[in-house]
Amino acid sequence: MLTKELLRVSRAGGGYHPQFVDASTTDLAARVLGVYQGHVGETRGDLDAALTDLEREADDFKLVRGFAKLLERDATFETRAPVQPRRARRRVFEAAEAVGVVDETERGTALETASDHFGVAPSALDGALYADRDSRQIMTAFDPRWGPDELGTQYNLSLAQTALFDATEVRVRSSDPATLVSTVKRLQLLYEIVSTASGREVVVTGPDALFSNTRRYGTRFARLLRTVARASEWELTATIDDRGTERKLHLSEADVHVPEVDPIGEVTYDSGVEAAFAARFAALDLDWELIREPEPLAAGEHVVVPDFAFDWRPGHDSGVRKTPADGSAFRVYFEIMGFWTPEYVEKKLSRLATVEDVTLIVAVDDSLGVGDAIEARDHRAIPYSGTVRVKDVRDALRPFEAELVAESAESLPASLEPDDDVVSLAALAAEHGVSEDAIEDKPFPAHELVGRTLVRPAVLDDLGERIEAGQTLADVQELLDEHGIDDDSAVLSRLGYRIEWDGLSGGTVRERETG
């Protein structure tokens, strides 16, 4: 993004039109690049002087300064001096005070005195006195990311970003709406999705509509345009506050492109609160699969995109998915309302009031004080302060979980007789597509439940005959492995044995004391 004073716009016809560059300015971009490349090893002052000369020759000095502004971030400047300038100044000023400097001769005397302390020549010390000033710093390297053509492309993008910094509202249509919405959420921008006669569009609150944090918000807002411009087709209409006059800015893929460098660092979550919650919930390894940013929900003429969804998938691998495996699972949506503006909260509440036929849980920051309002809209509210407690969310899910387990149990046969001699409850539950809770209370007429494993009595009898007290645990585990039994402790306990551990080297099977 350029600085505000480098903004070039036309207000012809009452609009707001950034003055984009085209192929006719490629030569000028190349000359600015050449100035930088030709001043490696020289001072910033010399570089600035050369750029000033170029500004005088160009039709628009702002364009030269704009190109230079983009290239400056690719240049490295360093302070080069035999003595750290601050130390040099302190020592020379102390020597000058002792000498009583009023002319050049006495100045030279003070420099000689101070230079003896550092062991450098007086002229070298003189050069070090102000070597840390910007104008005297040396450009030690210049590694441009762009050639002349790409510099023009980047200039147009930066110019548009600068113009949008004064936007109060931006409406965007994109051929890649999913990426657009995902980016808006990750950048923590205030937004809504509305339906129009020609389709849905994302409406984003602009930096100039806020009363605080505009610089921080504006920087994130500027990054949004980079994502918008990556789509093959897009259209953006912004309302600009031009020093009290409202103007319209229109952009499309014909105006702005993104150079194939400097990609945006992807942000996984909108906030640390969401990231922390997702990590802790996934670690529980529940039968709920956590989906990040599920499909949009219709809310009247608008659309709501919840932060998460919980899909009921017994036996699934834990973790957080971007999209569900399929749409057949029972789903509970989950929204985290952070510290938002009162206006945005009111908008969100009005949207939630029109969301129908979905189950929605909303975690609400205590400072918002809108928990009752959410409950009144038939959604479950979970208050939080700082961190969303996983236990609270789990408790909110339990009633659904209990119903789902009961339904699963009813769909199963009255008793279960698996074909295998040995099978774990988890494997049997996965085979039937239900949770372990749904099957563990079922009768198993051909098996005995040992720990969390079903074992045929004949297998237990065989093991009972072959296992003896005094055998090493390693030998016994080989016998258990023959039957595919992993739960060593439970089976040995069932047979009347315990393990006497011998440090980390292994153990010995002993008879378990009774009574």
Protein backbone atom coordinates (compact mmCIF):
# COMPACT_ATOMS: atom_id res chain seq x y z
CA MET A 1 0.00 0.00 0.00
CA LEU A 2 1.22 3.51 -0.79
CA THR A 3 1.13 6.45 1.58
CA LYS A 4 -1.84 8.76 1.34
CA GLU A 5 0.12 11.65 -0.24
CA LEU A 6 1.06 9.37 -3.16
CA LEU A 7 -2.57 8.62 -4.02
CA ARG A 8 -3.44 9.54 -7.62
CA VAL A 9 -7.17 9.64 -8.34
CA SER A 10 -9.51 11.41 -10.72
CA ARG A 11 -12.88 12.73 -9.57
CA ALA A 12 -14.26 13.15 -13.05
CA GLY A 13 -18.02 12.86 -13.20
CA GLY A 14 -18.26 12.82 -9.41
CA GLY A 15 -16.65 9.38 -9.19
CA TYR A 16 -13.41 8.23 -7.64
CA HIS A 17 -11.03 6.73 -10.20
CA PRO A 18 -7.50 5.60 -9.31
CA GLN A 19 -5.02 6.58 -12.02
CA PHE A 20 -3.69 3.18 -12.94
CA VAL A 21 -0.55 2.76 -15.03
CA ASP A 22 -0.23 0.81 -18.28
CA ALA A 23 2.48 -0.20 -20.72
CA SER A 24 3.28 3.45 -21.43
CA THR A 25 4.90 3.79 -17.99
CA THR A 26 7.07 0.67 -18.22
CA ASP A 27 10.11 2.71 -19.28
CA LEU A 28 9.71 4.98 -16.26
CA ALA A 29 9.42 1.94 -13.95
CA ALA A 30 12.62 0.57 -15.50
CA ARG A 31 14.43 3.86 -14.89
CA VAL A 32 13.42 3.90 -11.22
CA LEU A 33 14.65 0.32 -10.90
CA GLY A 34 17.90 1.37 -12.56
CA VAL A 35 18.42 4.21 -10.10
CA TYR A 36 18.21 1.78 -7.21
CA GLN A 37 20.46 -0.79 -8.86
CA GLY A 38 23.03 1.90 -9.68
CA HIS A 39 23.30 3.18 -6.12
CA VAL A 40 24.20 0.01 -4.26
CA GLY A 41 27.14 0.95 -2.03
CA GLU A 42 26.17 4.63 -1.96
CA THR A 43 24.35 6.72 0.62
CA ARG A 44 20.61 7.13 0.84
CA GLY A 45 21.17 10.83 0.31
CA ASP A 46 22.76 10.19 -3.09
CA LEU A 47 19.92 7.79 -3.98
CA ASP A 48 17.28 10.36 -3.00
CA ALA A 49 19.03 13.04 -5.05
CA ALA A 50 18.99 10.81 -8.14
CA LEU A 51 15.29 10.04 -7.64
CA THR A 52 14.57 13.75 -7.27
CA ASP A 53 16.28 14.38 -10.62
CA LEU A 54 14.07 11.69 -12.16
CA GLU A 55 10.95 13.24 -10.64
CA ARG A 56 11.75 16.53 -12.39
CA GLU A 57 11.96 14.76 -15.73
CA ALA A 58 8.77 12.72 -15.30
CA ASP A 59 5.26 13.92 -16.10
CA ASP A 60 4.03 13.03 -12.62
CA PHE A 61 6.44 13.13 -9.68
CA LYS A 62 3.98 11.10 -7.58
CA LEU A 63 4.37 8.19 -9.96
CA VAL A 64 8.15 8.15 -9.51
CA ARG A 65 7.76 8.33 -5.75
CA GLY A 66 5.15 5.56 -5.87
CA PHE A 67 7.48 3.22 -7.76
CA ALA A 68 10.30 4.14 -5.38
CA LYS A 69 8.11 3.49 -2.37
CA LEU A 70 7.45 -0.06 -3.57
CA LEU A 71 11.12 -0.70 -4.32
CA GLU A 72 12.44 0.70 -1.06
CA ARG A 73 11.29 -2.37 0.86
CA ASP A 74 13.66 -4.45 -1.30
CA ALA A 75 16.69 -2.30 -0.42
CA THR A 76 18.90 -2.84 2.62
CA PHE A 77 20.41 0.18 4.36
CA GLU A 78 23.09 -0.01 7.03
CA THR A 79 25.08 2.37 9.18
CA ARG A 80 28.74 1.96 8.33
CA ALA A 81 31.28 3.59 10.68
CA PRO A 82 34.48 2.52 12.49
CA VAL A 83 32.95 3.73 15.75
CA GLN A 84 29.33 3.50 16.83
CA PRO A 85 28.02 7.05 16.11
CA ARG A 86 26.46 7.59 19.51
CA ARG A 87 29.69 6.68 21.29
CA ALA A 88 31.66 8.85 18.87
CA ARG A 89 29.46 11.89 19.52
CA ARG A 90 29.65 11.49 23.28
CA ARG A 91 33.44 11.26 23.31
CA VAL A 92 33.96 14.13 20.84
CA PHE A 93 31.55 16.42 22.68
CA GLU A 94 33.36 15.69 25.96
CA ALA A 95 36.69 16.55 24.28
CA ALA A 96 35.19 19.68 22.74
CA GLU A 97 33.94 20.84 26.12
CA ALA A 98 37.46 20.46 27.56
CA VAL A 99 39.03 22.30 24.63
CA GLY A 100 36.39 25.02 24.37
CA VAL A 101 35.75 24.73 20.63
CA VAL A 102 34.93 27.97 18.80
CA ASP A 103 36.76 27.48 15.45
CA GLU A 104 37.91 24.76 13.04
CA THR A 105 41.37 24.46 14.62
CA GLU A 106 39.95 23.78 18.05
CA ARG A 107 37.42 21.35 16.50
CA GLY A 108 40.35 19.46 14.97
CA THR A 109 42.04 19.34 18.34
CA ALA A 110 38.92 17.85 19.95
CA LEU A 111 38.65 15.25 17.18
CA GLU A 112 42.34 14.27 17.62
CA THR A 113 41.86 13.88 21.36
CA ALA A 114 38.76 11.71 20.95
CA SER A 115 40.27 9.67 18.09
CA ASP A 116 43.18 8.64 20.34
CA HIS A 117 40.62 6.99 22.64
CA PHE A 118 39.17 4.86 19.82
CA GLY A 119 42.45 4.28 17.98
CA VAL A 120 41.14 5.63 14.66
CA ALA A 121 42.13 8.54 12.47
CA PRO A 122 40.47 11.92 13.24
CA SER A 123 38.94 11.98 9.74
CA ALA A 124 37.40 8.53 10.27
CA LEU A 125 35.95 9.62 13.58
CA ASP A 126 34.59 12.78 11.97
CA GLY A 127 32.80 10.62 9.38
CA ALA A 128 31.33 8.41 12.08
CA LEU A 129 29.74 11.26 14.04
CA TYR A 130 26.48 11.28 12.07
CA ALA A 131 26.75 8.08 10.04
CA ASP A 132 23.48 6.85 11.59
CA ARG A 133 21.43 9.60 9.97
CA ASP A 134 19.07 8.29 7.28
CA SER A 135 20.70 10.37 4.55
CA ARG A 136 24.16 8.97 5.38
CA GLN A 137 23.20 5.32 5.65
CA ILE A 138 24.60 3.07 2.93
CA MET A 139 22.43 0.93 0.63
CA THR A 140 24.30 -2.35 0.98
CA ALA A 141 21.98 -4.53 -1.10
CA PHE A 142 19.06 -4.28 -3.50
CA ASP A 143 17.10 -7.40 -4.39
CA PRO A 144 13.95 -6.35 -6.30
CA ARG A 145 11.01 -8.73 -6.44
CA TRP A 146 9.68 -7.18 -9.63
CA GLY A 147 10.83 -6.29 -13.10
CA PRO A 148 9.40 -3.17 -14.79
CA ASP A 149 6.14 -4.84 -15.89
CA GLU A 150 5.48 -6.48 -12.52
CA LEU A 151 6.32 -3.21 -10.78
CA GLY A 152 3.48 -1.56 -12.71
CA THR A 153 1.12 -4.39 -11.73
CA GLN A 154 2.08 -4.05 -8.09
CA TYR A 155 1.69 -0.28 -8.32
CA ASN A 156 -1.92 -0.61 -9.52
CA LEU A 157 -2.72 -3.02 -6.70
CA SER A 158 -1.10 -0.75 -4.10
CA LEU A 159 -2.83 2.32 -5.52
CA ALA A 160 -6.24 0.63 -5.26
CA GLN A 161 -5.47 -0.50 -1.71
CA THR A 162 -4.60 3.08 -0.76
CA ALA A 163 -7.81 4.40 -2.31
CA LEU A 164 -9.88 1.84 -0.40
CA PHE A 165 -8.40 2.96 2.91
CA ASP A 166 -11.03 5.73 2.92
CA ALA A 167 -13.88 3.34 2.15
CA THR A 168 -16.87 3.13 4.46
CA GLU A 169 -18.28 0.07 2.69
CA VAL A 170 -17.17 -2.35 -0.01
CA ARG A 171 -19.43 -4.73 -1.92
CA VAL A 172 -17.67 -7.60 -3.69
CA ARG A 173 -18.79 -10.28 -6.13
CA SER A 174 -16.32 -12.98 -7.01
CA SER A 175 -16.07 -16.11 -9.12
CA ASP A 176 -14.43 -17.68 -6.04
CA PRO A 177 -16.87 -16.77 -3.23
CA ALA A 178 -15.67 -19.50 -0.86
CA THR A 179 -12.11 -18.16 -0.79
CA LEU A 180 -13.41 -14.61 -0.51
CA VAL A 181 -15.58 -15.36 2.53
CA SER A 182 -12.89 -17.46 4.14
CA THR A 183 -10.36 -14.63 3.77
CA VAL A 184 -12.77 -12.01 5.10
CA LYS A 185 -13.29 -14.13 8.20
CA ARG A 186 -9.62 -14.86 8.71
CA LEU A 187 -8.75 -11.18 8.41
CA GLN A 188 -11.38 -10.46 11.08
CA LEU A 189 -13.21 -7.91 8.96
CA LEU A 190 -16.78 -6.89 9.71
CA TYR A 191 -18.94 -8.29 6.97
CA GLU A 192 -22.24 -9.71 5.87
CA ILE A 193 -23.40 -11.65 2.83
CA VAL A 194 -26.51 -10.39 1.07
CA SER A 195 -28.62 -11.77 -1.75
CA THR A 196 -29.27 -9.52 -4.72
CA ALA A 197 -31.11 -9.94 -7.98
CA SER A 198 -27.85 -10.94 -9.67
CA GLY A 199 -26.58 -13.22 -6.91
CA ARG A 200 -24.89 -13.01 -3.55
CA GLU A 201 -22.33 -10.36 -2.69
CA VAL A 202 -20.07 -9.86 0.31
CA VAL A 203 -20.48 -6.49 2.01
CA VAL A 204 -17.45 -5.49 4.10
CA THR A 205 -17.34 -2.57 6.50
CA GLY A 206 -14.56 -0.21 5.44
CA PRO A 207 -11.85 1.31 7.66
CA ASP A 208 -13.35 4.78 7.46
CA ALA A 209 -16.59 3.59 9.04
CA LEU A 210 -14.89 2.71 12.32
CA PHE A 211 -14.06 5.01 15.19
CA SER A 212 -10.93 3.24 16.45
CA ASN A 213 -8.16 0.88 15.35
CA THR A 214 -8.57 2.16 11.78
CA ARG A 215 -4.89 1.73 10.92
CA ARG A 216 -4.82 -1.90 12.03
CA TYR A 217 -8.19 -2.63 10.47
CA GLY A 218 -7.19 -0.76 7.33
CA THR A 219 -4.07 -2.86 6.89
CA ARG A 220 -6.10 -6.05 7.08
CA PHE A 221 -8.69 -4.53 4.81
CA ALA A 222 -6.00 -3.75 2.22
CA ARG A 223 -4.90 -7.39 2.24
CA LEU A 224 -8.42 -8.39 1.25
CA LEU A 225 -8.04 -6.80 -2.18
CA ARG A 226 -5.08 -9.06 -2.90
CA THR A 227 -7.34 -12.08 -2.40
CA VAL A 228 -10.21 -10.54 -4.37
CA ALA A 229 -7.91 -9.82 -7.30
CA ARG A 230 -6.70 -13.43 -7.48
CA ALA A 231 -10.13 -14.59 -8.71
CA SER A 232 -10.61 -14.93 -12.46
CA GLU A 233 -13.71 -12.71 -12.37
CA TRP A 234 -14.66 -10.18 -9.74
CA GLU A 235 -16.30 -6.84 -9.28
CA LEU A 236 -15.93 -4.39 -6.39
CA THR A 237 -17.92 -1.27 -5.60
CA ALA A 238 -16.74 0.91 -2.73
CA THR A 239 -18.28 3.91 -1.02
CA ILE A 240 -15.46 6.40 -0.40
CA ASP A 241 -15.47 9.19 2.17
CA ASP A 242 -13.54 11.80 0.17
CA ARG A 243 -13.06 14.53 2.78
CA GLY A 244 -16.75 14.57 3.60
CA THR A 245 -17.99 13.88 0.08
CA GLU A 246 -19.35 10.41 -0.66
CA ARG A 247 -18.03 8.98 -3.93
CA LYS A 248 -18.22 5.62 -5.67
CA LEU A 249 -15.19 3.56 -6.67
CA HIS A 250 -15.62 0.66 -9.10
CA LEU A 251 -12.92 -1.97 -9.71
CA SER A 252 -12.80 -5.26 -11.60
CA GLU A 253 -10.33 -7.82 -12.92
CA ALA A 254 -9.62 -5.42 -15.80
CA ASP A 255 -8.10 -2.88 -13.39
CA VAL A 256 -6.07 -4.78 -10.81
CA HIS A 257 -4.01 -7.98 -10.87
CA VAL A 258 -1.68 -9.61 -8.38
CA PRO A 259 2.01 -10.16 -9.23
CA GLU A 260 3.05 -13.75 -8.72
CA VAL A 261 5.20 -12.88 -5.73
CA ASP A 262 4.79 -11.97 -2.11
CA PRO A 263 1.81 -14.21 -1.34
CA ILE A 264 -0.41 -13.45 1.61
CA GLY A 265 0.45 -15.38 4.73
CA GLU A 266 -2.58 -17.55 5.31
CA VAL A 267 -4.29 -17.16 8.62
CA THR A 268 -5.97 -20.38 9.84
CA TYR A 269 -8.41 -18.86 12.32
CA ASP A 270 -10.07 -15.52 12.90
CA SER A 271 -8.70 -15.25 16.40
CA GLY A 272 -6.65 -16.96 19.03
CA VAL A 273 -9.89 -17.85 20.82
CA GLU A 274 -11.05 -19.92 17.85
CA ALA A 275 -7.65 -21.51 17.28
CA ALA A 276 -7.30 -22.51 20.93
CA PHE A 277 -10.79 -23.95 21.04
CA ALA A 278 -10.26 -26.00 17.85
CA ALA A 279 -6.98 -27.44 19.12
CA ARG A 280 -8.39 -28.43 22.50
CA PHE A 281 -11.60 -29.89 21.09
CA ALA A 282 -9.78 -31.98 18.46
CA ALA A 283 -7.48 -33.39 21.16
CA LEU A 284 -10.48 -34.92 22.97
CA ASP A 285 -10.96 -37.48 20.19
CA LEU A 286 -14.75 -37.44 20.46
CA ASP A 287 -17.31 -38.83 18.04
CA TRP A 288 -17.94 -35.25 16.87
CA GLU A 289 -15.96 -34.16 13.83
CA LEU A 290 -15.10 -30.45 13.90
CA ILE A 291 -15.64 -28.65 10.58
CA ARG A 292 -14.06 -25.25 10.04
CA GLU A 293 -16.25 -22.69 8.23
CA PRO A 294 -19.06 -24.93 6.95
CA GLU A 295 -21.44 -23.94 4.19
CA PRO A 296 -23.32 -20.60 4.46
CA LEU A 297 -26.75 -20.60 6.12
CA ALA A 298 -29.63 -18.69 4.59
CA ALA A 299 -30.82 -15.88 6.90
CA GLY A 300 -33.64 -14.12 5.10
CA GLU A 301 -32.08 -12.02 2.36
CA HIS A 302 -28.67 -12.46 3.98
CA VAL A 303 -26.30 -15.31 4.68
CA VAL A 304 -24.53 -16.40 7.86
CA VAL A 305 -21.30 -18.42 7.78
CA PRO A 306 -20.77 -20.02 11.20
CA ASP A 307 -17.23 -20.44 12.48
CA PHE A 308 -17.55 -24.21 12.99
CA ALA A 309 -19.88 -27.18 12.71
CA PHE A 310 -19.91 -30.40 14.71
CA ASP A 311 -20.71 -33.47 12.61
CA TRP A 312 -21.70 -36.67 14.41
CA ARG A 313 -19.31 -39.30 13.05
CA PRO A 314 -18.66 -42.17 15.48
CA GLY A 315 -15.27 -43.74 14.93
CA HIS A 316 -13.86 -40.96 12.75
CA ASP A 317 -10.28 -39.75 13.05
CA SER A 318 -9.97 -36.75 15.35
CA GLY A 319 -8.90 -33.37 14.03
CA VAL A 320 -10.32 -30.32 12.31
CA ARG A 321 -11.54 -30.57 8.73
CA LYS A 322 -12.12 -27.78 6.28
CA THR A 323 -15.02 -29.58 4.63
CA PRO A 324 -17.05 -32.59 5.75
CA ALA A 325 -16.64 -35.98 4.07
CA ASP A 326 -20.30 -35.89 3.01
CA GLY A 327 -23.53 -34.25 4.06
CA SER A 328 -25.16 -37.22 5.77
CA ALA A 329 -24.00 -36.56 9.33
CA PHE A 330 -26.12 -34.91 12.00
CA ARG A 331 -24.78 -31.36 12.30
CA VAL A 332 -24.68 -28.71 15.01
CA TYR A 333 -23.38 -25.28 13.99
CA PHE A 334 -21.14 -23.28 16.29
CA GLU A 335 -20.47 -19.54 16.25
CA ILE A 336 -18.03 -17.66 18.48
CA MET A 337 -19.01 -14.03 19.05
CA GLY A 338 -15.93 -12.10 20.13
CA PHE A 339 -15.51 -8.46 21.06
CA TRP A 340 -17.47 -6.80 18.26
CA THR A 341 -18.93 -3.35 17.80
CA PRO A 342 -22.50 -2.86 19.07
CA GLU A 343 -23.70 -2.28 15.52
CA TYR A 344 -22.14 -5.50 14.28
CA VAL A 345 -23.56 -7.46 17.22
CA GLU A 346 -27.02 -6.11 16.45
CA LYS A 347 -26.65 -7.17 12.82
CA LYS A 348 -25.50 -10.62 13.86
CA LEU A 349 -28.44 -11.03 16.22
CA SER A 350 -30.89 -10.03 13.51
CA ARG A 351 -29.32 -12.62 11.19
CA LEU A 352 -29.48 -15.34 13.84
CA ALA A 353 -33.16 -14.56 14.36
CA THR A 354 -33.90 -15.53 10.76
CA VAL A 355 -31.78 -18.68 10.60
CA GLU A 356 -34.25 -21.56 10.49
CA ASP A 357 -34.18 -25.34 10.67
CA VAL A 358 -30.63 -25.57 11.98
CA THR A 359 -29.19 -26.28 15.40
CA LEU A 360 -26.87 -23.50 16.46
CA ILE A 361 -24.73 -22.99 19.56
CA VAL A 362 -23.25 -19.55 20.11
CA ALA A 363 -20.32 -18.83 22.44
CA VAL A 364 -20.71 -15.23 23.57
CA ASP A 365 -18.05 -13.00 25.09
CA ASP A 366 -19.31 -11.90 28.51
CA SER A 367 -18.64 -8.27 27.68
CA LEU A 368 -21.30 -8.31 24.95
CA GLY A 369 -24.12 -9.18 27.36
CA VAL A 370 -26.33 -10.67 24.65
CA GLY A 371 -26.65 -14.25 25.90
CA ASP A 372 -30.34 -13.83 26.74
CA ALA A 373 -31.01 -12.28 23.34
CA ILE A 374 -29.48 -15.32 21.66
CA GLU A 375 -31.46 -17.73 23.81
CA ALA A 376 -34.61 -15.79 22.85
CA ARG A 377 -33.79 -16.61 19.22
CA ASP A 378 -33.90 -20.36 20.01
CA HIS A 379 -30.15 -20.83 19.96
CA ARG A 380 -28.05 -22.15 22.83
CA ALA A 381 -25.77 -19.46 24.30
CA ILE A 382 -22.52 -20.31 26.10
CA PRO A 383 -20.93 -17.34 27.89
CA TYR A 384 -17.14 -17.12 27.98
CA SER A 385 -14.44 -14.76 29.09
CA GLY A 386 -11.07 -14.99 27.39
CA THR A 387 -11.33 -18.68 26.49
CA VAL A 388 -14.21 -20.85 25.30
CA ARG A 389 -14.35 -23.78 27.70
CA VAL A 390 -14.48 -27.09 25.85
CA LYS A 391 -16.41 -28.63 28.73
CA ASP A 392 -19.22 -26.10 28.28
CA VAL A 393 -19.45 -26.92 24.58
CA ARG A 394 -19.30 -30.64 25.27
CA ASP A 395 -22.13 -30.27 27.78
CA ALA A 396 -24.17 -28.44 25.15
CA LEU A 397 -23.61 -31.32 22.72
CA ARG A 398 -24.43 -34.10 25.19
CA PRO A 399 -28.25 -33.96 24.76
CA PHE A 400 -27.85 -34.45 21.00
CA GLU A 401 -25.28 -37.14 21.61
CA ALA A 402 -27.62 -39.02 23.95
CA GLU A 403 -30.43 -38.97 21.37
CA LEU A 404 -28.11 -40.09 18.60
CA VAL A 405 -26.73 -42.94 20.70
CA ALA A 406 -30.26 -44.04 21.61
CA GLU A 407 -31.35 -43.95 17.96
CA SER A 408 -28.27 -45.94 16.98
CA ALA A 409 -28.94 -48.53 19.65
CA GLU A 410 -32.53 -48.95 18.49
CA SER A 411 -31.36 -49.58 14.95
CA LEU A 412 -29.14 -52.48 16.08
CA PRO A 413 -30.24 -56.10 16.58
CA ALA A 414 -31.42 -57.07 20.06
CA SER A 415 -28.12 -58.90 20.58
CA LEU A 416 -24.82 -58.86 18.72
CA GLU A 417 -22.84 -61.92 17.62
CA PRO A 418 -19.72 -60.81 15.75
CA ASP A 419 -18.03 -63.42 13.55
CA ASP A 420 -14.53 -62.86 14.92
CA ASP A 421 -13.35 -64.72 18.02
CA VAL A 422 -11.86 -61.46 19.31
CA VAL A 423 -13.01 -57.95 18.42
CA SER A 424 -12.79 -54.60 20.15
CA LEU A 425 -15.88 -52.56 20.94
CA ALA A 426 -14.45 -49.71 18.86
CA ALA A 427 -14.06 -51.95 15.80
CA LEU A 428 -17.54 -53.43 16.21
CA ALA A 429 -19.06 -49.95 16.64
CA ALA A 430 -17.30 -48.74 13.50
CA GLU A 431 -18.58 -51.79 11.62
CA HIS A 432 -22.16 -50.85 12.51
CA GLY A 433 -21.55 -47.10 12.08
CA VAL A 434 -22.47 -46.25 15.65
CA SER A 435 -20.68 -45.06 18.77
CA GLU A 436 -19.27 -47.43 21.36
CA ASP A 437 -21.88 -46.14 23.81
CA ALA A 438 -24.60 -47.52 21.53
CA ILE A 439 -23.36 -51.12 21.67
CA GLU A 440 -21.64 -51.64 25.01
CA ASP A 441 -24.89 -52.43 26.84
CA LYS A 442 -26.09 -54.89 24.19
CA PRO A 443 -26.08 -58.65 24.96
CA PHE A 444 -23.20 -60.61 23.37
CA PRO A 445 -24.33 -64.25 23.75
CA ALA A 446 -21.28 -65.75 22.03
CA HIS A 447 -18.64 -63.53 23.63
CA GLU A 448 -17.50 -62.19 26.95
CA LEU A 449 -16.69 -58.49 27.34
CA VAL A 450 -13.21 -58.22 28.83
CA GLY A 451 -12.21 -54.61 29.31
CA ARG A 452 -13.19 -53.04 25.97
CA THR A 453 -12.72 -56.29 24.01
CA LEU A 454 -15.18 -59.08 23.15
CA VAL A 455 -13.58 -62.54 23.48
CA ARG A 456 -15.10 -65.97 22.85
CA PRO A 457 -14.98 -68.26 25.95
CA ALA A 458 -12.99 -70.86 23.98
CA VAL A 459 -10.19 -68.33 23.49
CA LEU A 460 -10.14 -67.54 27.19
CA ASP A 461 -10.01 -71.27 27.98
CA ASP A 462 -7.06 -71.76 25.61
CA LEU A 463 -5.17 -68.87 27.14
CA GLY A 464 -5.97 -70.11 30.64
CA GLU A 465 -4.28 -73.43 29.86
CA ARG A 466 -1.18 -71.91 28.24
CA ILE A 467 -0.44 -69.03 30.62
CA GLU A 468 1.29 -69.78 33.91
CA ALA A 469 2.59 -67.68 36.78
CA GLY A 470 6.28 -66.84 36.38
CA GLN A 471 6.19 -66.42 32.60
CA THR A 472 7.69 -63.26 31.25
CA LEU A 473 5.29 -60.63 30.00
CA ALA A 474 6.93 -60.81 26.57
CA ASP A 475 6.15 -64.53 26.27
CA VAL A 476 2.55 -64.00 27.39
CA GLN A 477 2.09 -61.14 24.95
CA GLU A 478 3.06 -63.47 22.10
CA LEU A 479 0.21 -65.79 23.14
CA LEU A 480 -2.22 -62.87 23.31
CA ASP A 481 -1.05 -61.62 19.92
CA GLU A 482 -1.95 -64.99 18.37
CA HIS A 483 -5.58 -64.12 19.11
CA GLY A 484 -5.28 -60.43 18.26
CA ILE A 485 -5.73 -59.26 21.85
CA ASP A 486 -4.24 -55.83 22.64
CA ASP A 487 -5.73 -55.29 26.09
CA ASP A 488 -3.14 -57.35 28.00
CA SER A 489 -3.98 -56.17 31.50
CA ALA A 490 -7.74 -56.75 31.23
CA VAL A 491 -7.39 -60.29 29.86
CA LEU A 492 -4.72 -61.29 32.38
CA SER A 493 -6.87 -59.91 35.18
CA ARG A 494 -9.83 -61.96 33.88
CA LEU A 495 -7.60 -65.09 33.99
CA GLY A 496 -6.46 -64.34 37.55
CA TYR A 497 -3.05 -62.86 36.92
CA ARG A 498 -1.27 -59.55 37.39
CA ILE A 499 1.92 -58.09 35.99
CA GLU A 500 4.93 -57.56 38.24
CA TRP A 501 6.84 -54.81 36.45
CA ASP A 502 10.64 -54.84 36.33
CA GLY A 503 11.49 -51.23 35.62
CA LEU A 504 11.42 -50.45 31.92
CA SER A 505 12.87 -53.80 30.86
CA GLY A 506 9.63 -55.79 31.10
CA GLY A 507 7.62 -57.74 33.62
CA THR A 508 6.63 -61.13 35.01
CA VAL A 509 3.16 -62.63 35.22
CA ARG A 510 2.09 -63.41 38.80
CA GLU A 511 -1.07 -64.86 40.29
CA ARG A 512 -3.44 -62.15 41.40
CA GLU A 513 -4.19 -62.14 45.10
CA THR A 514 -7.83 -62.61 45.92
CA GLY A 515 -9.89 -61.58 48.89
